[in-house]
Amino acid sequence: MEYDDGLIACASDELVIRRYSLLLRPRRIAYAEIRRVTKVQLRGLQKWRIWGGDVRHWFNFDARRPDKQVALVLDVGKHVKPTITPDDPQHVVDVLRRHGIEVSEPA
């Protein structure tokens, strides 16, 4: 395991988002499925959304999200983008880049 904070894990061939689905089951996304990732600052309602989403983003269950500052939006080619808030976002960004995934950061 390259990274694991209990909710987000970076394995050798996939990203695992725990407590993701309606039944709080994990979602596994092969690195090859991720087109790009955008690093964003959490603001407003996003910061207080501990689970669920809007018409464009889906957040896994994370009761610690209100204390976090950064989210990673995963473009997997679908309308709704999985959005994660790892405890150490820079570590996850580094892992994703090592797997050849483009990560854009705010200027």
N, C-alpha and C. Protein backbone atom coordinates (compact mmCIF):
# COMPACT_ATOMS: atom_id res chain seq x y z
N MET A 1 0.85 -1.17 0.00
CA MET A 1 0.00 0.00 0.00
C MET A 1 0.90 1.24 0.00
N GLU A 2 0.67 2.12 -0.97
CA GLU A 2 1.48 3.34 -1.07
C GLU A 2 0.97 4.45 -0.14
N TYR A 3 -0.32 4.38 0.19
CA TYR A 3 -0.93 5.37 1.09
C TYR A 3 -2.21 4.75 1.63
N ASP A 4 -2.51 5.02 2.90
CA ASP A 4 -3.76 4.55 3.49
C ASP A 4 -4.04 5.35 4.75
N ASP A 5 -5.14 6.12 4.73
CA ASP A 5 -5.51 6.90 5.92
C ASP A 5 -6.79 6.38 6.56
N GLY A 6 -7.23 5.20 6.12
CA GLY A 6 -8.45 4.62 6.66
C GLY A 6 -9.65 4.82 5.74
N LEU A 7 -9.70 5.95 5.01
CA LEU A 7 -10.79 6.20 4.08
C LEU A 7 -10.32 6.20 2.63
N ILE A 8 -9.10 6.64 2.39
CA ILE A 8 -8.52 6.68 1.05
C ILE A 8 -7.26 5.81 1.08
N ALA A 9 -7.15 4.94 0.08
CA ALA A 9 -5.96 4.09 -0.02
C ALA A 9 -5.46 4.08 -1.45
N CYS A 10 -4.15 4.14 -1.59
CA CYS A 10 -3.50 4.03 -2.90
C CYS A 10 -2.75 2.70 -2.91
N ALA A 11 -3.30 1.74 -3.63
CA ALA A 11 -2.66 0.44 -3.77
C ALA A 11 -1.75 0.49 -4.99
N SER A 12 -1.16 -0.64 -5.34
CA SER A 12 -0.22 -0.65 -6.45
C SER A 12 -0.88 -0.41 -7.79
N ASP A 13 -2.17 -0.76 -7.94
CA ASP A 13 -2.83 -0.62 -9.24
C ASP A 13 -4.16 0.12 -9.20
N GLU A 14 -4.58 0.58 -8.02
CA GLU A 14 -5.88 1.25 -7.92
C GLU A 14 -5.97 2.18 -6.72
N LEU A 15 -6.92 3.10 -6.82
CA LEU A 15 -7.28 3.99 -5.72
C LEU A 15 -8.54 3.41 -5.09
N VAL A 16 -8.56 3.29 -3.78
CA VAL A 16 -9.72 2.75 -3.08
C VAL A 16 -10.32 3.87 -2.24
N ILE A 17 -11.61 4.13 -2.49
CA ILE A 17 -12.34 5.14 -1.72
C ILE A 17 -13.32 4.39 -0.83
N ARG A 18 -13.03 4.35 0.45
CA ARG A 18 -13.90 3.62 1.38
C ARG A 18 -15.10 4.48 1.77
N ARG A 19 -16.19 3.80 2.14
CA ARG A 19 -17.44 4.46 2.55
C ARG A 19 -17.97 5.37 1.45
N TYR A 20 -18.02 4.84 0.23
CA TYR A 20 -18.37 5.65 -0.94
C TYR A 20 -19.83 5.56 -1.35
N SER A 21 -20.34 4.36 -1.53
CA SER A 21 -21.66 4.18 -2.14
C SER A 21 -22.80 4.42 -1.15
N LEU A 22 -24.02 4.28 -1.66
CA LEU A 22 -25.18 4.48 -0.80
C LEU A 22 -25.20 3.53 0.38
N LEU A 23 -24.59 2.36 0.23
CA LEU A 23 -24.49 1.39 1.33
C LEU A 23 -23.14 1.49 2.03
N LEU A 24 -22.42 2.59 1.77
CA LEU A 24 -21.10 2.88 2.34
C LEU A 24 -20.07 1.82 1.97
N ARG A 25 -20.25 1.21 0.81
CA ARG A 25 -19.26 0.26 0.30
C ARG A 25 -18.14 1.02 -0.38
N PRO A 26 -16.98 0.40 -0.51
CA PRO A 26 -15.85 1.09 -1.16
C PRO A 26 -16.02 1.15 -2.67
N ARG A 27 -15.35 2.13 -3.25
CA ARG A 27 -15.25 2.22 -4.71
C ARG A 27 -13.78 2.05 -5.07
N ARG A 28 -13.52 1.18 -6.01
CA ARG A 28 -12.16 0.91 -6.48
C ARG A 28 -12.03 1.47 -7.88
N ILE A 29 -11.02 2.30 -8.09
CA ILE A 29 -10.80 2.92 -9.39
C ILE A 29 -9.38 2.62 -9.83
N ALA A 30 -9.25 1.88 -10.92
CA ALA A 30 -7.92 1.60 -11.46
C ALA A 30 -7.28 2.92 -11.89
N TYR A 31 -5.98 3.04 -11.68
CA TYR A 31 -5.30 4.28 -12.08
C TYR A 31 -5.51 4.57 -13.56
N ALA A 32 -5.60 3.53 -14.38
CA ALA A 32 -5.80 3.71 -15.83
C ALA A 32 -7.15 4.36 -16.15
N GLU A 33 -8.12 4.28 -15.24
CA GLU A 33 -9.45 4.88 -15.45
C GLU A 33 -9.46 6.38 -15.15
N ILE A 34 -8.48 6.87 -14.41
CA ILE A 34 -8.46 8.27 -13.98
C ILE A 34 -7.83 9.11 -15.09
N ARG A 35 -8.61 10.00 -15.69
CA ARG A 35 -8.13 10.83 -16.79
C ARG A 35 -7.25 11.98 -16.28
N ARG A 36 -7.73 12.62 -15.22
CA ARG A 36 -6.98 13.71 -14.61
C ARG A 36 -7.58 13.99 -13.23
N VAL A 37 -6.82 14.72 -12.43
CA VAL A 37 -7.26 15.08 -11.08
C VAL A 37 -7.08 16.58 -10.91
N THR A 38 -8.03 17.22 -10.27
CA THR A 38 -7.94 18.65 -9.98
C THR A 38 -7.92 18.84 -8.47
N LYS A 39 -6.91 19.53 -7.99
CA LYS A 39 -6.80 19.84 -6.56
C LYS A 39 -7.53 21.16 -6.32
N VAL A 40 -8.48 21.18 -5.38
CA VAL A 40 -9.28 22.37 -5.11
C VAL A 40 -9.32 22.65 -3.61
N GLN A 41 -9.58 23.90 -3.28
CA GLN A 41 -9.78 24.29 -1.90
C GLN A 41 -11.23 24.04 -1.53
N LEU A 42 -11.48 23.44 -0.37
CA LEU A 42 -12.85 23.23 0.10
C LEU A 42 -13.41 24.55 0.60
N ARG A 43 -14.61 24.85 0.15
CA ARG A 43 -15.26 26.10 0.55
C ARG A 43 -16.75 25.85 0.77
N GLY A 44 -17.36 26.70 1.56
CA GLY A 44 -18.80 26.69 1.74
C GLY A 44 -19.37 25.34 2.11
N LEU A 45 -20.43 24.95 1.39
CA LEU A 45 -21.13 23.71 1.70
C LEU A 45 -20.27 22.48 1.48
N GLN A 46 -19.35 22.54 0.51
CA GLN A 46 -18.48 21.38 0.28
C GLN A 46 -17.71 21.01 1.54
N LYS A 47 -17.26 22.01 2.26
CA LYS A 47 -16.47 21.77 3.47
C LYS A 47 -17.31 21.05 4.54
N TRP A 48 -18.60 21.33 4.56
CA TRP A 48 -19.48 20.75 5.59
C TRP A 48 -20.21 19.50 5.11
N ARG A 49 -20.04 19.14 3.86
CA ARG A 49 -20.69 17.92 3.33
C ARG A 49 -19.87 16.72 3.78
N ILE A 50 -20.40 15.95 4.73
CA ILE A 50 -19.63 14.80 5.21
C ILE A 50 -19.89 13.55 4.37
N TRP A 51 -20.91 13.59 3.51
CA TRP A 51 -21.19 12.46 2.63
C TRP A 51 -22.19 12.88 1.57
N GLY A 52 -22.09 12.32 0.39
CA GLY A 52 -23.06 12.60 -0.66
C GLY A 52 -22.51 13.58 -1.68
N GLY A 53 -23.41 14.23 -2.39
CA GLY A 53 -22.91 15.13 -3.41
C GLY A 53 -23.95 16.02 -4.03
N ASP A 54 -23.52 16.63 -5.13
CA ASP A 54 -24.39 17.48 -5.92
C ASP A 54 -24.45 16.87 -7.32
N VAL A 55 -24.84 17.63 -8.31
CA VAL A 55 -24.99 17.05 -9.64
C VAL A 55 -23.67 16.77 -10.34
N ARG A 56 -22.54 17.23 -9.81
CA ARG A 56 -21.24 17.05 -10.45
C ARG A 56 -20.21 16.31 -9.61
N HIS A 57 -20.40 16.24 -8.28
CA HIS A 57 -19.39 15.66 -7.39
C HIS A 57 -20.04 14.67 -6.42
N TRP A 58 -19.30 13.62 -6.06
CA TRP A 58 -19.78 12.69 -5.03
C TRP A 58 -18.66 12.50 -4.01
N PHE A 59 -18.97 12.78 -2.76
CA PHE A 59 -18.02 12.67 -1.65
C PHE A 59 -18.30 11.39 -0.87
N ASN A 60 -17.24 10.65 -0.53
CA ASN A 60 -17.40 9.51 0.36
C ASN A 60 -17.69 10.04 1.78
N PHE A 61 -18.15 9.15 2.65
CA PHE A 61 -18.42 9.55 4.03
C PHE A 61 -17.10 9.88 4.73
N ASP A 62 -17.00 11.10 5.24
CA ASP A 62 -15.79 11.53 5.96
C ASP A 62 -16.21 12.56 7.01
N ALA A 63 -16.37 12.10 8.25
CA ALA A 63 -16.81 12.98 9.34
C ALA A 63 -15.77 14.05 9.67
N ARG A 64 -14.52 13.86 9.21
CA ARG A 64 -13.46 14.85 9.49
C ARG A 64 -13.33 15.91 8.39
N ARG A 65 -14.17 15.83 7.35
CA ARG A 65 -14.07 16.77 6.24
C ARG A 65 -14.15 18.25 6.67
N PRO A 66 -15.00 18.64 7.62
CA PRO A 66 -15.05 20.06 7.99
C PRO A 66 -13.70 20.62 8.48
N ASP A 67 -12.80 19.75 8.92
CA ASP A 67 -11.49 20.20 9.39
C ASP A 67 -10.43 20.21 8.28
N LYS A 68 -10.81 19.80 7.09
CA LYS A 68 -9.85 19.70 5.99
C LYS A 68 -9.96 20.90 5.06
N GLN A 69 -8.89 21.14 4.32
CA GLN A 69 -8.82 22.32 3.45
C GLN A 69 -8.84 21.99 1.97
N VAL A 70 -8.40 20.78 1.60
CA VAL A 70 -8.16 20.44 0.20
C VAL A 70 -8.96 19.20 -0.21
N ALA A 71 -9.50 19.24 -1.43
CA ALA A 71 -10.17 18.08 -2.02
C ALA A 71 -9.50 17.77 -3.36
N LEU A 72 -9.59 16.50 -3.76
CA LEU A 72 -9.11 16.06 -5.06
C LEU A 72 -10.31 15.57 -5.86
N VAL A 73 -10.55 16.20 -7.01
CA VAL A 73 -11.67 15.85 -7.88
C VAL A 73 -11.14 14.94 -8.98
N LEU A 74 -11.69 13.73 -9.06
CA LEU A 74 -11.21 12.71 -10.00
C LEU A 74 -12.08 12.70 -11.25
N ASP A 75 -11.49 12.93 -12.39
CA ASP A 75 -12.20 12.83 -13.66
C ASP A 75 -12.02 11.40 -14.16
N VAL A 76 -13.12 10.64 -14.12
CA VAL A 76 -13.10 9.25 -14.56
C VAL A 76 -13.97 9.08 -15.81
N GLY A 77 -14.25 10.19 -16.49
CA GLY A 77 -15.01 10.14 -17.73
C GLY A 77 -16.51 10.06 -17.56
N LYS A 78 -17.00 10.26 -16.38
CA LYS A 78 -18.45 10.23 -16.10
C LYS A 78 -18.90 11.64 -15.72
N HIS A 79 -20.22 11.85 -15.73
CA HIS A 79 -20.77 13.16 -15.38
C HIS A 79 -20.45 13.52 -13.93
N VAL A 80 -20.66 12.57 -13.02
CA VAL A 80 -20.38 12.82 -11.60
C VAL A 80 -18.94 12.39 -11.31
N LYS A 81 -18.19 13.27 -10.67
CA LYS A 81 -16.78 13.01 -10.38
C LYS A 81 -16.60 12.65 -8.90
N PRO A 82 -15.97 11.51 -8.62
CA PRO A 82 -15.63 11.21 -7.22
C PRO A 82 -14.72 12.31 -6.68
N THR A 83 -15.01 12.76 -5.48
CA THR A 83 -14.23 13.84 -4.86
C THR A 83 -13.79 13.36 -3.49
N ILE A 84 -12.48 13.38 -3.26
CA ILE A 84 -11.92 12.82 -2.03
C ILE A 84 -11.19 13.88 -1.22
N THR A 85 -11.11 13.65 0.07
CA THR A 85 -10.40 14.55 0.97
C THR A 85 -9.46 13.72 1.84
N PRO A 86 -8.34 13.29 1.26
CA PRO A 86 -7.39 12.49 2.05
C PRO A 86 -6.78 13.31 3.19
N ASP A 87 -6.32 12.62 4.22
CA ASP A 87 -5.66 13.30 5.33
C ASP A 87 -4.38 13.99 4.87
N ASP A 88 -3.68 13.39 3.91
CA ASP A 88 -2.44 13.96 3.38
C ASP A 88 -2.59 14.08 1.86
N PRO A 89 -3.26 15.14 1.38
CA PRO A 89 -3.53 15.25 -0.05
C PRO A 89 -2.26 15.30 -0.91
N GLN A 90 -1.20 15.90 -0.42
CA GLN A 90 0.02 15.98 -1.23
C GLN A 90 0.63 14.61 -1.45
N HIS A 91 0.56 13.75 -0.45
CA HIS A 91 1.06 12.38 -0.60
C HIS A 91 0.26 11.66 -1.69
N VAL A 92 -1.06 11.81 -1.69
CA VAL A 92 -1.89 11.17 -2.70
C VAL A 92 -1.58 11.74 -4.08
N VAL A 93 -1.40 13.06 -4.18
CA VAL A 93 -1.02 13.69 -5.45
C VAL A 93 0.29 13.09 -5.96
N ASP A 94 1.26 12.93 -5.08
CA ASP A 94 2.55 12.36 -5.48
C ASP A 94 2.38 10.93 -6.01
N VAL A 95 1.55 10.13 -5.34
CA VAL A 95 1.31 8.75 -5.79
C VAL A 95 0.64 8.77 -7.16
N LEU A 96 -0.38 9.61 -7.32
CA LEU A 96 -1.08 9.67 -8.60
C LEU A 96 -0.14 10.08 -9.73
N ARG A 97 0.71 11.04 -9.48
CA ARG A 97 1.67 11.48 -10.51
C ARG A 97 2.65 10.36 -10.85
N ARG A 98 3.07 9.59 -9.86
CA ARG A 98 3.96 8.46 -10.13
C ARG A 98 3.30 7.43 -11.05
N HIS A 99 1.97 7.39 -11.02
CA HIS A 99 1.22 6.47 -11.87
C HIS A 99 0.83 7.13 -13.20
N GLY A 100 1.40 8.29 -13.48
CA GLY A 100 1.19 8.95 -14.77
C GLY A 100 -0.08 9.76 -14.89
N ILE A 101 -0.70 10.10 -13.77
CA ILE A 101 -1.95 10.86 -13.80
C ILE A 101 -1.64 12.35 -13.66
N GLU A 102 -2.22 13.14 -14.55
CA GLU A 102 -2.05 14.60 -14.51
C GLU A 102 -2.86 15.17 -13.34
N VAL A 103 -2.20 15.98 -12.52
CA VAL A 103 -2.87 16.63 -11.40
C VAL A 103 -2.68 18.13 -11.56
N SER A 104 -3.78 18.86 -11.69
CA SER A 104 -3.69 20.31 -11.80
C SER A 104 -3.96 20.92 -10.43
N GLU A 105 -3.23 21.99 -10.15
CA GLU A 105 -3.36 22.67 -8.87
C GLU A 105 -3.74 24.12 -9.11
N PRO A 106 -4.45 24.73 -8.15
CA PRO A 106 -4.82 26.14 -8.32
C PRO A 106 -3.57 27.02 -8.40
N ALA A 107 -3.69 28.06 -9.18
CA ALA A 107 -2.54 28.98 -9.36
C ALA A 107 -2.29 29.80 -8.12
